[in-house]
């Protein structure tokens, strides 16, 4: 039973397979895929707003647009061609790369949890980007695009894995469509989040008392929403990373860990009325535990390596 966020991507892949059978259906299948892939937005939506924090309000949307352009360039010019070449000549390596990406997600999620438990949150804020000089915006965009590259690679490899048996041309078309849809979905949501407080401010300044109350509620609620997105994004990284590791190990021949999860699922699957929900919860919780354990191991190993390290992508956002 596919679990959690990766289950959503499995649905995307199933739609992609349908599209491969009839290229005329690519548009419709891809539109449905964008809705099914909504869970992927969580992590990017939790991280990306931090990149426009401290910038002038009239620069927020142009910056998001430039980050989105960099994201689609990552997917179409670098990630997809490399993934197609690997899938054509060394398909087993696709699974290995996928597990490496799962390990990164587990590491990043565990890193955030450990920082929070250590109260190592660095409460001091950097100076607003508008005070950091003319290069701050360019550096902000470059950093966001680098962060995006990891998640984009993970998404594209997950999609590729599910259509790897399709002809090369069909694979290329499907991945291109998925890349565009996911990028629009992610950065559309990010733009909405970033500008929501501006919308609330305008509502609060004019119109009826009801609109003003709504506007004040939006302004007051956005910091809480961003804080919750950080928590949800961390959980999603552990959840997705752990599931990728479980499924990948099973695919490569180590069936024991995922076999235990399946046994736990079967133990609750027969509960009348809620068996399916319980089985999904068991799979998801098991994936998150695996992600947290493996990610914690990686954190402690990497912390002891004798070279300088930067915080993983998005870690700064966990300190918000």
Protein backbone atom coordinates (compact mmCIF):
# COMPACT_ATOMS: atom_id res chain seq x y z
CA UNK A 1 0.00 0.00 0.00
CA UNK A 2 1.54 3.29 -1.07
CA UNK A 3 1.78 5.66 1.87
CA UNK A 4 1.65 9.34 2.56
CA UNK A 5 3.00 11.99 0.26
CA UNK A 6 4.69 9.47 -1.99
CA UNK A 7 1.32 7.83 -2.49
CA UNK A 8 0.17 11.07 -4.07
CA UNK A 9 3.14 10.97 -6.40
CA UNK A 10 2.31 7.36 -7.23
CA UNK A 11 -1.07 8.62 -8.38
CA UNK A 12 0.69 11.22 -10.51
CA UNK A 13 2.75 8.44 -12.07
CA UNK A 14 -0.35 6.37 -12.73
CA UNK A 15 -1.85 9.30 -14.58
CA UNK A 16 1.44 9.69 -16.43
CA UNK A 17 1.22 6.07 -17.56
CA UNK A 18 -2.26 6.73 -18.86
CA UNK A 19 -0.93 9.73 -20.73
CA UNK A 20 1.82 7.61 -22.28
CA UNK A 21 -0.78 5.21 -23.65
CA UNK A 22 -2.52 8.07 -25.43
CA UNK A 23 -0.55 11.28 -25.93
CA UNK A 24 -3.82 13.09 -26.64
CA UNK A 25 -4.65 12.63 -22.94
CA UNK A 26 -1.47 14.33 -21.67
CA UNK A 27 -3.16 17.67 -21.04
CA UNK A 28 -6.08 16.27 -19.07
CA UNK A 29 -3.96 13.79 -17.12
CA UNK A 30 -1.41 16.47 -16.27
CA UNK A 31 -4.10 18.84 -15.02
CA UNK A 32 -5.33 16.11 -12.66
CA UNK A 33 -1.72 15.37 -11.71
CA UNK A 34 -1.22 18.93 -10.52
CA UNK A 35 -4.04 18.47 -8.01
CA UNK A 36 -2.80 15.03 -6.94
CA UNK A 37 0.71 16.45 -6.39
CA UNK A 38 -0.55 19.15 -4.01
CA UNK A 39 1.27 17.46 -1.14
CA UNK A 40 4.61 18.25 -2.79
CA UNK A 41 3.84 21.95 -2.33
CA UNK A 42 4.11 21.62 1.47
CA UNK A 43 7.88 21.54 1.74
CA UNK A 44 8.58 24.25 -0.83
CA UNK A 45 5.77 26.39 0.56
CA UNK A 46 7.31 26.07 4.02
CA UNK A 47 10.78 27.11 2.85
CA UNK A 48 10.43 29.53 -0.05
CA UNK A 49 8.63 32.43 1.73
CA UNK A 50 11.76 32.86 3.85
CA UNK A 51 13.65 33.94 0.74
CA UNK A 52 11.51 37.06 0.28
CA UNK A 53 11.44 37.99 3.96
CA UNK A 54 12.98 41.41 4.47
CA UNK A 55 12.65 42.43 0.82
CA UNK A 56 10.55 45.34 -0.39
CA UNK A 57 6.92 44.30 -0.91
CA UNK A 58 6.91 45.34 -4.57
CA UNK A 59 9.86 42.99 -5.23
CA UNK A 60 8.28 39.85 -3.72
CA UNK A 61 6.36 38.64 -6.76
CA UNK A 62 9.16 39.44 -9.26
CA UNK A 63 11.57 37.47 -7.06
CA UNK A 64 9.19 34.51 -6.83
CA UNK A 65 8.79 34.63 -10.62
CA UNK A 66 12.57 34.52 -11.08
CA UNK A 67 12.89 31.63 -8.63
CA UNK A 68 10.13 29.78 -10.48
CA UNK A 69 11.95 30.39 -13.77
CA UNK A 70 15.11 28.97 -12.26
CA UNK A 71 13.12 26.00 -10.97
CA UNK A 72 11.67 25.13 -14.37
CA UNK A 73 15.13 25.54 -15.89
CA UNK A 74 16.51 23.12 -13.29
CA UNK A 75 13.85 20.56 -14.18
CA UNK A 76 13.83 20.85 -17.97
CA UNK A 77 17.46 21.59 -18.83
CA UNK A 78 19.37 19.62 -16.19
CA UNK A 79 17.37 17.14 -14.14
CA UNK A 80 15.08 15.65 -16.80
CA UNK A 81 17.78 15.03 -19.48
CA UNK A 82 20.09 13.45 -16.90
CA UNK A 83 17.28 11.30 -15.53
CA UNK A 84 16.24 10.16 -19.02
CA UNK A 85 19.81 9.15 -19.91
CA UNK A 86 20.18 7.19 -16.67
CA UNK A 87 16.81 5.50 -17.10
CA UNK A 88 17.71 4.48 -20.64
CA UNK A 89 21.12 2.95 -19.88
CA UNK A 90 21.33 2.23 -16.12
CA UNK A 91 17.73 2.08 -14.79
CA UNK A 92 18.80 0.50 -11.47
CA UNK A 93 20.76 3.65 -10.73
CA UNK A 94 17.50 5.62 -10.73
CA UNK A 95 16.42 3.73 -7.58
CA UNK A 96 19.79 4.40 -5.94
CA UNK A 97 19.53 8.12 -6.72
CA UNK A 98 15.99 8.14 -5.38
CA UNK A 99 17.19 6.62 -2.09
CA UNK A 100 20.01 9.17 -1.91
CA UNK A 101 17.36 11.89 -2.23
CA UNK A 102 15.28 10.17 0.46
CA UNK A 103 18.33 10.19 2.73
CA UNK A 104 18.77 13.91 2.13
CA UNK A 105 15.15 14.61 3.03
CA UNK A 106 15.48 12.47 6.17
CA UNK A 107 18.69 14.29 7.12
CA UNK A 108 17.16 17.72 6.60
CA UNK A 109 14.03 16.86 8.58
CA UNK A 110 15.99 15.31 11.44
CA UNK A 111 18.37 18.29 11.46
CA UNK A 112 15.43 20.62 12.06
CA UNK A 113 14.00 18.42 14.82
CA UNK A 114 17.38 18.18 16.58
CA UNK A 115 17.90 21.95 16.38
CA UNK A 116 14.49 22.47 17.93
CA UNK A 117 15.14 19.96 20.74
CA UNK A 118 18.52 21.54 21.45
CA UNK A 119 16.88 25.00 21.50
CA UNK A 120 19.61 25.90 19.04
CA UNK A 121 17.26 28.23 17.20
CA UNK A 122 19.48 31.30 16.78
CA UNK A 123 16.71 33.78 17.58
CA UNK A 124 18.66 36.75 16.34
CA UNK A 125 17.43 37.87 12.92
CA UNK A 126 19.58 38.89 10.00
CA UNK A 127 19.25 42.46 8.83
CA UNK A 128 16.46 42.89 6.29
CA UNK A 129 17.63 42.21 2.75
CA UNK A 130 16.79 45.78 1.72
CA UNK A 131 19.59 46.92 4.07
CA UNK A 132 22.18 44.42 2.86
CA UNK A 133 23.12 46.11 -0.40
CA UNK A 134 22.40 45.73 -4.10
CA UNK A 135 23.56 42.12 -4.27
CA UNK A 136 21.13 40.82 -1.63
CA UNK A 137 18.32 40.15 -4.08
CA UNK A 138 20.55 38.26 -6.54
CA UNK A 139 22.02 36.19 -3.69
CA UNK A 140 18.52 35.48 -2.38
CA UNK A 141 17.36 34.20 -5.76
CA UNK A 142 20.48 32.09 -6.32
CA UNK A 143 20.11 30.48 -2.88
CA UNK A 144 16.44 29.69 -3.46
CA UNK A 145 17.17 28.10 -6.84
CA UNK A 146 19.90 25.92 -5.30
CA UNK A 147 17.45 24.82 -2.60
CA UNK A 148 14.81 24.08 -5.22
CA UNK A 149 17.19 21.87 -7.20
CA UNK A 150 17.21 19.13 -4.56
CA UNK A 151 13.44 18.86 -4.21
CA UNK A 152 12.95 19.18 -7.98
CA UNK A 153 15.36 16.32 -8.58
CA UNK A 154 13.53 14.18 -6.06
CA UNK A 155 10.13 14.88 -7.61
CA UNK A 156 11.30 14.21 -11.16
CA UNK A 157 13.05 10.96 -10.25
CA UNK A 158 9.95 9.75 -8.38
CA UNK A 159 7.82 10.49 -11.45
CA UNK A 160 10.39 8.90 -13.77
CA UNK A 161 10.58 5.72 -11.73
CA UNK A 162 6.88 5.06 -12.25
CA UNK A 163 7.01 5.50 -16.05
CA UNK A 164 10.42 3.98 -16.62
CA UNK A 165 8.97 1.19 -18.78
CA UNK A 166 7.45 3.65 -21.24
CA UNK A 167 9.20 4.59 -24.53
CA UNK A 168 11.85 7.28 -24.26
CA UNK A 169 9.84 9.96 -26.08
CA UNK A 170 6.76 9.33 -23.93
CA UNK A 171 8.89 9.56 -20.79
CA UNK A 172 10.34 12.88 -21.94
CA UNK A 173 6.92 14.39 -22.71
CA UNK A 174 5.42 13.19 -19.44
CA UNK A 175 8.29 14.53 -17.33
CA UNK A 176 8.18 17.89 -19.13
CA UNK A 177 4.45 18.24 -18.45
CA UNK A 178 4.83 17.18 -14.80
CA UNK A 179 7.73 19.66 -14.38
CA UNK A 180 5.63 22.57 -15.63
CA UNK A 181 2.54 21.65 -13.61
CA UNK A 182 4.42 21.13 -10.34
CA UNK A 183 6.40 24.37 -10.74
CA UNK A 184 3.24 26.39 -11.39
CA UNK A 185 1.50 24.69 -8.46
CA UNK A 186 4.34 25.20 -5.99
CA UNK A 187 5.16 28.80 -6.80
CA UNK A 188 1.53 29.79 -7.29
CA UNK A 189 0.86 28.71 -3.71
CA UNK A 190 4.05 30.41 -2.51
CA UNK A 191 3.00 33.69 -4.17
CA UNK A 192 -0.42 33.43 -2.54
CA UNK A 193 1.12 32.85 0.89
CA UNK A 194 3.62 35.69 0.55
CA UNK A 195 1.03 38.26 -0.55
CA UNK A 196 -1.78 37.18 1.77
CA UNK A 197 -0.81 39.64 4.48
CA UNK A 198 -0.86 42.48 1.92
CA UNK A 199 -4.37 41.44 0.91
CA UNK A 200 -5.37 41.40 4.58
CA UNK A 201 -3.92 44.86 5.12
CA UNK A 202 -5.92 46.30 2.22
CA UNK A 203 -9.11 44.67 3.49
CA UNK A 204 -8.48 46.02 6.98
CA UNK A 205 -8.10 49.58 5.69
CA UNK A 206 -11.35 49.83 3.75
CA UNK A 207 -14.79 48.33 3.18
CA UNK A 208 -17.33 46.93 5.61
CA UNK A 209 -16.69 45.95 9.20
CA UNK A 210 -16.79 42.28 8.15
CA UNK A 211 -14.10 42.80 5.51
CA UNK A 212 -11.98 44.73 7.99
CA UNK A 213 -12.24 41.91 10.54
CA UNK A 214 -11.29 39.42 7.83
CA UNK A 215 -8.33 41.56 6.83
CA UNK A 216 -7.08 41.88 10.42
CA UNK A 217 -7.49 38.12 10.80
CA UNK A 218 -5.36 37.47 7.70
CA UNK A 219 -2.62 39.82 8.89
CA UNK A 220 -2.58 38.27 12.38
CA UNK A 221 -2.83 34.72 11.07
CA UNK A 222 -0.03 34.68 8.47
CA UNK A 223 2.86 34.34 10.96
CA UNK A 224 1.03 31.41 12.57
CA UNK A 225 0.41 29.85 9.16
CA UNK A 226 4.09 30.13 8.24
CA UNK A 227 5.07 28.59 11.59
CA UNK A 228 2.69 25.67 11.01
CA UNK A 229 3.97 25.24 7.46
CA UNK A 230 7.47 24.86 8.89
CA UNK A 231 6.25 22.09 11.22
CA UNK A 232 4.28 20.38 8.47
CA UNK A 233 7.19 20.71 6.06
CA UNK A 234 9.54 19.04 8.54
CA UNK A 235 7.07 16.19 9.09
CA UNK A 236 6.66 15.82 5.33
CA UNK A 237 10.42 15.51 4.80
CA UNK A 238 10.67 12.72 7.39
CA UNK A 239 7.54 11.03 6.06
CA UNK A 240 8.55 11.15 2.38
CA UNK A 241 12.22 10.39 3.01
CA UNK A 242 11.39 7.38 5.16
CA UNK A 243 8.91 5.99 2.65
CA UNK A 244 11.40 6.35 -0.20
CA UNK A 245 13.99 4.46 1.85
CA UNK A 246 11.56 1.66 2.77
CA UNK A 247 10.24 1.25 -0.77
CA UNK A 248 13.71 1.55 -2.31
CA UNK A 249 15.22 -1.08 -0.02
CA UNK A 250 12.34 -3.40 -0.88
CA UNK A 251 12.84 -2.74 -4.59
CA UNK A 252 16.57 -3.51 -4.35
CA UNK A 253 15.97 -6.81 -2.58
CA UNK A 254 16.03 -6.03 1.16
CA UNK A 255 12.41 -6.92 1.95
CA UNK A 256 12.58 -7.13 5.75
CA UNK A 257 11.93 -3.50 6.81
CA UNK A 258 8.99 -2.92 4.48
CA UNK A 259 7.70 -6.40 5.26
CA UNK A 260 7.38 -5.38 8.92
CA UNK A 261 5.42 -2.28 7.89
CA UNK A 262 3.11 -4.39 5.71
CA UNK A 263 2.53 -6.78 8.63
CA UNK A 264 1.58 -3.84 10.84
CA UNK A 265 -0.78 -2.57 8.15
CA UNK A 266 -2.47 -5.95 7.84
CA UNK A 267 -2.92 -6.11 11.62
CA UNK A 268 -5.20 -3.05 11.56
CA UNK A 269 -6.61 -3.28 8.04
CA UNK A 270 -9.55 -5.41 9.14
CA UNK A 271 -10.92 -2.96 11.70
CA UNK A 272 -14.50 -2.26 10.63
CA UNK A 273 -15.09 1.15 9.16
CA UNK A 274 -11.66 2.63 9.77
CA UNK A 275 -9.29 -0.16 8.75
CA UNK A 276 -8.12 1.63 5.61
CA UNK A 277 -7.43 4.85 7.50
CA UNK A 278 -5.55 2.98 10.24
CA UNK A 279 -3.45 1.12 7.67
CA UNK A 280 -2.57 4.41 5.97
CA UNK A 281 -1.68 5.95 9.34
CA UNK A 282 0.54 2.99 10.26
CA UNK A 283 2.37 3.20 6.92
CA UNK A 284 2.83 6.94 7.24
CA UNK A 285 3.95 6.83 10.88
CA UNK A 286 6.37 3.98 10.15
CA UNK A 287 7.85 5.96 7.25
CA UNK A 288 8.29 9.03 9.47
CA UNK A 289 9.98 6.98 12.20
CA UNK A 290 12.38 5.43 9.67
CA UNK A 291 13.10 8.90 8.27
CA UNK A 292 13.75 10.34 11.74
CA UNK A 293 16.01 7.47 12.83
CA UNK A 294 18.05 7.39 9.62
CA UNK A 295 18.17 11.19 9.42
CA UNK A 296 19.39 11.43 13.03
CA UNK A 297 22.17 8.95 12.29
CA UNK A 298 23.22 11.04 9.28
CA UNK A 299 23.15 14.26 11.32
CA UNK A 300 25.46 12.85 14.00
CA UNK A 301 27.82 11.33 11.41
CA UNK A 302 28.01 14.51 9.32
CA UNK A 303 28.52 16.71 12.39
CA UNK A 304 31.65 14.74 13.14
CA UNK A 305 33.19 14.96 9.68
CA UNK A 306 36.35 17.13 9.63
CA UNK A 307 35.27 19.81 7.17
CA UNK A 308 33.18 23.01 7.30
CA UNK A 309 29.46 22.56 6.81
CA UNK A 310 26.52 24.75 5.99
CA UNK A 311 23.05 24.15 7.35
CA UNK A 312 20.92 22.07 5.00
CA UNK A 313 18.59 23.82 2.57
CA UNK A 314 15.71 25.40 4.39
CA UNK A 315 17.13 24.82 7.86
CA UNK A 316 17.15 28.51 8.58
CA UNK A 317 13.44 28.56 8.05
CA UNK A 318 13.00 26.12 10.89
CA UNK A 319 14.23 28.80 13.25
CA UNK A 320 11.34 31.09 12.38
